[in-house]
């Protein structure tokens, strides 16, 4: 396959006149052209419900499903885009509803992403080509083809990708603790027990870290547990409860709780 020149952002702002003409034709044909496209996402509300809220949050590594809703007959495909990458969805989930899923990542600091979606009607052939080798869509209209027509303005949504870090300090009683158990409980009541990391390649293993687990408590007699939860371990909205159960060297048991903001 001939390599397209370069990935290109959606050009919904262009061809507004063509869009108006296309809508007029559809109205003349008896199609409903009054319903505008709307962009939804499933991360703002619990239980995977979709929301049109323009600012939403996604946990680091969380896959977010977006849906563009438009009147039947007003789209042959929808272009979704984020951070310079675009994807074409040409098969609606149900009539007039096109879905796309994208995973978001961030480093130590939260990162804001702009997501956009535009519905198009094909005029000749589709202006986007999929490269299987690169798993990437390219905007590559034919030189002699009539450009595809955006049937509504670009719909936008802001996704803030973030993560939280658990840090719990406690005074050791009689030396290093005998046993530690860290659990995370979502608002739904679903509970995940996190194992302790005991060494090896931290990049390939999962678990919380006991600072100084080999050397014992620090000079002040304190120990600290540190853990960065995964997306699957925290709630999609509201609070996530982190609970640490400590069985001390002297046989006593202590429970520490921490409410994590997971919007």
Protein backbone atom coordinates (compact mmCIF):
# COMPACT_ATOMS: atom_id res chain seq x y z
CA UNK A 1 0.00 0.00 0.00
CA UNK A 2 1.25 3.44 -0.84
CA UNK A 3 2.29 5.25 2.35
CA UNK A 4 0.18 8.34 3.06
CA UNK A 5 2.05 11.58 3.53
CA UNK A 6 1.41 11.98 7.29
CA UNK A 7 -1.33 11.64 9.88
CA UNK A 8 -3.60 14.67 9.72
CA UNK A 9 -6.05 16.19 12.15
CA UNK A 10 -9.72 16.19 11.33
CA UNK A 11 -10.63 19.14 9.16
CA UNK A 12 -14.20 19.66 10.33
CA UNK A 13 -13.83 23.43 10.19
CA UNK A 14 -13.34 23.12 6.44
CA UNK A 15 -16.15 22.50 3.96
CA UNK A 16 -18.83 24.06 6.14
CA UNK A 17 -20.63 25.04 2.97
CA UNK A 18 -20.53 21.44 1.76
CA UNK A 19 -21.96 20.29 5.09
CA UNK A 20 -24.85 22.74 4.83
CA UNK A 21 -25.56 21.55 1.29
CA UNK A 22 -25.48 17.91 2.40
CA UNK A 23 -27.88 18.59 5.24
CA UNK A 24 -30.21 20.43 2.88
CA UNK A 25 -30.22 17.45 0.54
CA UNK A 26 -31.00 15.12 3.45
CA UNK A 27 -33.85 17.30 4.61
CA UNK A 28 -35.24 17.34 1.10
CA UNK A 29 -35.04 13.56 1.08
CA UNK A 30 -37.12 13.41 4.24
CA UNK A 31 -34.29 12.72 6.71
CA UNK A 32 -34.22 14.38 10.12
CA UNK A 33 -31.36 16.87 10.12
CA UNK A 34 -32.24 18.78 13.27
CA UNK A 35 -30.50 16.46 15.73
CA UNK A 36 -26.89 17.50 16.21
CA UNK A 37 -24.07 15.13 17.06
CA UNK A 38 -23.23 14.70 20.75
CA UNK A 39 -20.11 13.25 22.33
CA UNK A 40 -20.46 11.05 25.42
CA UNK A 41 -17.97 9.15 27.63
CA UNK A 42 -18.38 6.48 30.29
CA UNK A 43 -15.92 7.58 32.96
CA UNK A 44 -17.77 10.35 34.83
CA UNK A 45 -20.51 8.16 36.28
CA UNK A 46 -20.36 4.80 38.12
CA UNK A 47 -21.36 1.51 36.50
CA UNK A 48 -20.18 2.53 33.03
CA UNK A 49 -23.02 4.94 32.33
CA UNK A 50 -22.42 7.49 29.56
CA UNK A 51 -22.32 11.21 30.27
CA UNK A 52 -22.01 14.25 27.96
CA UNK A 53 -20.11 16.14 30.67
CA UNK A 54 -17.42 18.13 28.87
CA UNK A 55 -14.73 17.61 31.51
CA UNK A 56 -14.16 14.09 32.76
CA UNK A 57 -11.42 12.18 34.59
CA UNK A 58 -9.69 8.92 33.73
CA UNK A 59 -7.33 6.95 35.93
CA UNK A 60 -3.87 6.10 34.57
CA UNK A 61 -4.28 3.09 32.27
CA UNK A 62 -8.08 3.24 32.30
CA UNK A 63 -9.81 2.48 28.96
CA UNK A 64 -12.52 5.06 28.30
CA UNK A 65 -15.33 4.41 25.82
CA UNK A 66 -16.62 7.38 23.83
CA UNK A 67 -19.86 7.50 21.92
CA UNK A 68 -20.97 9.95 19.25
CA UNK A 69 -24.71 10.13 18.79
CA UNK A 70 -26.14 11.61 15.59
CA UNK A 71 -29.38 11.35 13.64
CA UNK A 72 -29.74 8.29 11.44
CA UNK A 73 -28.51 8.94 7.91
CA UNK A 74 -26.23 11.83 8.89
CA UNK A 75 -23.00 9.83 9.06
CA UNK A 76 -21.18 7.11 7.15
CA UNK A 77 -18.39 7.19 9.72
CA UNK A 78 -17.15 9.17 12.71
CA UNK A 79 -13.57 10.34 13.21
CA UNK A 80 -12.39 10.23 16.83
CA UNK A 81 -9.08 11.83 17.75
CA UNK A 82 -6.79 12.49 20.72
CA UNK A 83 -3.19 13.70 21.01
CA UNK A 84 -2.67 13.70 17.25
CA UNK A 85 -3.95 10.16 16.67
CA UNK A 86 -7.20 9.56 14.84
CA UNK A 87 -9.46 6.56 14.43
CA UNK A 88 -12.36 5.97 12.07
CA UNK A 89 -15.47 4.14 13.25
CA UNK A 90 -17.71 3.18 10.33
CA UNK A 91 -19.95 0.64 12.06
CA UNK A 92 -22.43 2.07 14.58
CA UNK A 93 -22.99 0.18 17.81
CA UNK A 94 -26.69 0.81 17.28
CA UNK A 95 -28.33 3.09 14.75
CA UNK A 96 -26.80 6.55 14.95
CA UNK A 97 -24.36 5.66 17.77
CA UNK A 98 -20.65 5.19 17.07
CA UNK A 99 -18.30 3.97 19.82
CA UNK A 100 -14.54 4.15 20.27
CA UNK A 101 -12.35 3.08 23.22
CA UNK A 102 -9.05 4.68 24.13
CA UNK A 103 -6.68 4.14 27.07
CA UNK A 104 -5.07 7.13 28.80
CA UNK A 105 -1.68 7.30 30.51
CA UNK A 106 0.10 9.89 32.63
CA UNK A 107 3.33 10.22 34.55
CA UNK A 108 3.76 11.53 38.09
CA UNK A 109 1.73 14.63 37.17
CA UNK A 110 -1.83 14.60 35.83
CA UNK A 111 -2.14 15.13 32.08
CA UNK A 112 -5.00 16.78 30.18
CA UNK A 113 -6.14 15.34 26.84
CA UNK A 114 -8.47 16.91 24.29
CA UNK A 115 -10.72 14.37 22.60
CA UNK A 116 -12.77 15.25 19.52
CA UNK A 117 -15.25 13.55 17.23
CA UNK A 118 -16.71 14.52 13.84
CA UNK A 119 -19.40 12.69 11.79
CA UNK A 120 -18.84 12.46 8.01
CA UNK A 121 -20.72 11.53 4.87
CA UNK A 122 -18.71 9.86 2.11
CA UNK A 123 -18.51 11.56 -1.27
CA UNK A 124 -16.88 9.05 -3.60
CA UNK A 125 -14.61 7.04 -1.31
CA UNK A 126 -13.66 7.36 2.34
CA UNK A 127 -10.96 10.01 2.87
CA UNK A 128 -9.29 7.92 5.57
CA UNK A 129 -7.08 4.85 5.02
CA UNK A 130 -6.14 2.28 7.66
CA UNK A 131 -2.53 1.07 7.74
CA UNK A 132 -2.57 -2.44 9.26
CA UNK A 133 1.20 -2.52 9.71
CA UNK A 134 1.17 0.60 11.86
CA UNK A 135 -2.34 0.10 13.29
CA UNK A 136 -3.03 3.71 12.39
CA UNK A 137 -5.54 5.74 10.38
CA UNK A 138 -4.35 8.34 7.88
CA UNK A 139 -6.24 11.19 6.26
CA UNK A 140 -5.51 10.61 2.58
CA UNK A 141 -8.22 11.94 0.25
CA UNK A 142 -7.98 11.13 -3.45
CA UNK A 143 -6.72 13.98 -5.61
CA UNK A 144 -9.73 13.76 -7.93
CA UNK A 145 -12.34 12.75 -5.37
CA UNK A 146 -14.92 15.04 -3.83
CA UNK A 147 -13.96 15.52 -0.15
CA UNK A 148 -16.09 13.80 2.44
CA UNK A 149 -18.53 16.14 4.19
CA UNK A 150 -18.61 16.82 7.95
CA UNK A 151 -22.28 16.89 8.90
CA UNK A 152 -21.81 18.68 12.20
CA UNK A 153 -19.17 20.73 13.98
CA UNK A 154 -16.36 19.09 15.89
CA UNK A 155 -17.52 17.76 19.28
CA UNK A 156 -14.92 18.11 22.06
CA UNK A 157 -14.32 16.68 25.51
CA UNK A 158 -11.48 17.20 28.00
CA UNK A 159 -10.11 14.13 29.78
CA UNK A 160 -7.77 14.60 32.74
CA UNK A 161 -5.65 11.50 33.30
CA UNK A 162 -4.38 11.07 36.87
CA UNK A 163 -3.30 8.56 39.48
CA UNK A 164 -3.15 8.45 43.27
CA UNK A 165 -0.44 7.20 45.61
CA UNK A 166 -1.03 5.51 48.94
CA UNK A 167 1.38 6.35 51.76
CA UNK A 168 0.68 5.06 55.26
CA UNK A 169 3.10 5.50 58.15
CA UNK A 170 2.79 3.71 61.46
CA UNK A 171 4.82 3.19 64.61
CA UNK A 172 6.32 -0.28 64.85
CA UNK A 173 5.41 -2.20 68.01
CA UNK A 174 8.26 -4.43 69.08
CA UNK A 175 10.07 -4.42 65.74
CA UNK A 176 9.24 -5.11 62.11
CA UNK A 177 5.57 -6.13 61.57
CA UNK A 178 4.73 -9.83 61.29
CA UNK A 179 2.08 -9.39 58.62
CA UNK A 180 0.61 -6.64 56.45
CA UNK A 181 -2.57 -6.67 54.36
CA UNK A 182 -3.52 -3.80 52.05
CA UNK A 183 -6.98 -3.72 50.47
CA UNK A 184 -8.86 -1.28 48.21
CA UNK A 185 -12.66 -1.02 48.29
CA UNK A 186 -14.70 0.82 45.66
CA UNK A 187 -18.00 2.61 46.34
CA UNK A 188 -19.72 -0.44 44.84
CA UNK A 189 -18.33 -2.56 47.68
CA UNK A 190 -15.98 -4.54 45.44
CA UNK A 191 -12.75 -5.22 47.35
CA UNK A 192 -9.26 -5.95 46.03
CA UNK A 193 -6.48 -7.32 48.24
CA UNK A 194 -3.05 -6.10 47.14
CA UNK A 195 -0.05 -8.40 47.75
CA UNK A 196 3.22 -7.20 49.23
CA UNK A 197 6.23 -6.89 46.96
CA UNK A 198 9.16 -8.87 48.35
CA UNK A 199 11.86 -8.06 45.85
CA UNK A 200 12.89 -8.73 42.28
CA UNK A 201 12.15 -6.57 39.25
CA UNK A 202 9.56 -4.04 40.49
CA UNK A 203 8.61 -3.24 36.90
CA UNK A 204 7.37 -6.80 36.35
CA UNK A 205 5.65 -7.42 39.65
CA UNK A 206 2.66 -6.00 41.46
CA UNK A 207 2.43 -5.16 45.11
CA UNK A 208 2.85 -2.55 47.80
CA UNK A 209 6.27 -1.69 49.21
CA UNK A 210 7.22 -1.63 52.86
CA UNK A 211 9.92 1.01 53.08
CA UNK A 212 12.88 -0.47 54.92
CA UNK A 213 11.47 -4.01 54.86
CA UNK A 214 15.01 -5.39 55.03
CA UNK A 215 16.34 -2.96 57.61
CA UNK A 216 13.25 -2.61 59.80
CA UNK A 217 11.76 0.60 61.28
CA UNK A 218 13.60 3.90 60.86
CA UNK A 219 15.43 5.79 63.61
CA UNK A 220 12.08 7.10 64.90
CA UNK A 221 10.61 3.60 65.05
CA UNK A 222 8.31 4.26 62.06
CA UNK A 223 7.47 2.11 59.05
CA UNK A 224 5.82 3.23 55.80
CA UNK A 225 3.75 1.42 53.18
CA UNK A 226 3.69 2.88 49.65
CA UNK A 227 1.56 1.80 46.70
CA UNK A 228 0.22 3.26 43.43
CA UNK A 229 -3.07 1.50 42.60
CA UNK A 230 -3.97 0.27 39.14
CA UNK A 231 -7.01 1.51 37.25
CA UNK A 232 -8.82 -1.80 37.85
CA UNK A 233 -8.39 -1.41 41.62
CA UNK A 234 -10.01 1.99 42.15
CA UNK A 235 -13.55 3.27 41.65
CA UNK A 236 -14.48 5.20 38.54
CA UNK A 237 -16.11 7.94 40.58
CA UNK A 238 -16.31 9.08 44.20
CA UNK A 239 -13.98 7.65 46.83
CA UNK A 240 -11.89 4.50 47.07
CA UNK A 241 -11.14 3.22 50.57
CA UNK A 242 -7.61 1.99 51.25
CA UNK A 243 -7.23 -0.12 54.39
CA UNK A 244 -4.00 -1.43 55.85
CA UNK A 245 -4.11 -4.19 58.49
CA UNK A 246 -0.91 -4.48 60.52
CA UNK A 247 -0.05 -7.42 62.73
CA UNK A 248 2.72 -6.08 64.90
CA UNK A 249 5.70 -7.94 66.31
CA UNK A 250 4.17 -7.76 69.79
CA UNK A 251 1.01 -9.54 68.57
CA UNK A 252 -1.29 -6.50 68.52
CA UNK A 253 -3.33 -5.64 65.40
CA UNK A 254 -3.80 -2.14 63.97
CA UNK A 255 -5.98 -0.88 61.12
CA UNK A 256 -5.26 2.27 59.12
CA UNK A 257 -7.75 3.74 56.63
CA UNK A 258 -7.34 6.31 53.89
CA UNK A 259 -10.01 7.70 51.55
CA UNK A 260 -8.66 8.21 48.05
CA UNK A 261 -10.24 10.80 45.75
CA UNK A 262 -10.97 8.93 42.53
CA UNK A 263 -13.24 11.31 40.58
